[in-house]
Protein backbone atom coordinates (compact mmCIF):
# COMPACT_ATOMS: atom_id res chain seq x y z
CA MET A 1 9.99 4.79 -9.26
CA GLU A 2 6.18 5.50 -9.85
CA ARG A 3 5.13 2.74 -7.44
CA ARG A 4 7.55 4.26 -5.10
CA ARG A 5 5.74 7.50 -5.19
CA ARG A 6 2.44 5.91 -5.08
CA ALA A 7 3.27 4.05 -1.85
CA VAL A 8 4.84 7.01 -0.33
CA ARG A 9 1.65 9.05 -1.13
CA ARG A 10 -0.71 6.51 0.03
CA GLY A 11 1.27 6.35 3.45
CA SER A 12 1.18 10.23 3.71
CA GLY A 13 -2.73 10.27 3.09
CA ILE A 14 -3.16 7.81 5.76
CA LEU A 15 -1.06 9.79 8.30
CA ASP A 16 -3.11 12.82 7.23
CA ARG A 17 -6.40 11.13 7.98
CA LEU A 18 -4.80 9.79 11.37
CA GLU A 19 -4.18 13.57 12.08
CA GLU A 20 -7.62 14.44 11.23
CA LEU A 21 -9.13 11.94 13.32
CA LYS A 22 -6.94 12.87 16.20
CA LEU A 23 -8.19 16.54 15.89
CA ALA A 24 -11.75 15.52 15.44
CA LEU A 25 -11.30 13.42 18.77
CA LEU A 26 -9.72 16.13 20.73
CA SER A 27 -12.52 18.72 19.82
CA GLY A 28 -15.08 16.13 20.88
CA GLN A 29 -16.39 15.29 17.54
CA ALA A 30 -16.90 11.62 16.39
CA GLY A 31 -14.90 12.00 13.24
CA GLU A 32 -17.00 9.60 11.45
CA GLY A 33 -16.23 11.11 7.94
CA THR A 34 -12.65 10.95 8.68
CA LEU A 35 -12.95 7.31 9.99
CA GLU A 36 -14.81 6.45 6.43
CA ASN A 37 -11.94 8.16 4.46
CA LEU A 38 -9.28 6.23 6.51
CA ALA A 39 -10.98 2.90 5.89
CA ARG A 40 -11.17 3.58 2.33
CA THR A 41 -7.68 4.62 2.02
CA LEU A 42 -6.52 1.60 3.98
CA ARG A 43 -8.60 -0.59 1.54
CA GLU A 44 -6.78 0.44 -1.47
CA ASP A 45 -4.05 -1.53 -2.78
CA ARG A 46 -0.52 -0.59 -1.77
CA PRO A 47 2.26 -0.61 -4.27
CA GLN A 48 5.05 -2.73 -2.80
CA ASP A 49 8.54 -1.14 -3.21
CA SER A 50 11.85 -3.02 -3.47
CA ASP A 51 13.04 -1.15 -0.32
CA ALA A 52 12.45 -3.20 2.74
CA GLY A 53 12.67 -0.15 4.88
CA LEU A 54 9.90 1.56 3.29
CA ASN A 55 7.71 -1.38 3.17
CA GLY A 56 8.13 -1.87 6.91
CA LEU A 57 7.38 1.82 7.68
CA LEU A 58 4.30 1.50 5.52
CA ASP A 59 3.23 -1.60 7.30
CA GLN A 60 3.38 0.28 10.49
CA ILE A 61 1.27 2.86 9.22
CA ASP A 62 -1.41 0.49 8.02
CA LEU A 63 -1.31 -1.28 11.35
CA ARG A 64 -1.70 2.19 13.16
CA ALA A 65 -4.64 2.90 10.95
CA ALA A 66 -6.26 -0.44 11.49
CA VAL A 67 -5.97 -0.09 15.50
CA GLU A 68 -7.71 3.28 15.20
CA LEU A 69 -10.57 1.76 13.15
CA ALA A 70 -10.92 -1.09 15.60
CA LYS A 71 -11.06 1.38 18.51
CA ALA A 72 -13.67 3.37 16.75
CA ASP A 73 -15.75 0.22 16.22
CA LEU A 74 -15.50 -0.36 19.98
CA ARG A 75 -16.64 3.02 20.90
CA ARG A 76 -19.47 2.48 18.51
CA SER A 77 -20.33 -0.79 20.29
CA ALA A 78 -20.01 0.52 23.81
CA ALA A 79 -22.40 3.43 22.86
């Protein structure tokens, strides 16, 4: 049960960082601090849960975060 709680907490944290990034970009800021926090959270080990549905959802959250980090790298390269 504790692994499940940690996995959900990690997923929620990534979603929070993605929301912060969205708000920063909409306000015209680069959101560099948010990107660093997002990258750090994504690098953390993710506890695996026996629930395949939860693992699939967490995979999708991780993928969305990785896409946003890649897009940020492209923006930096273009600047």
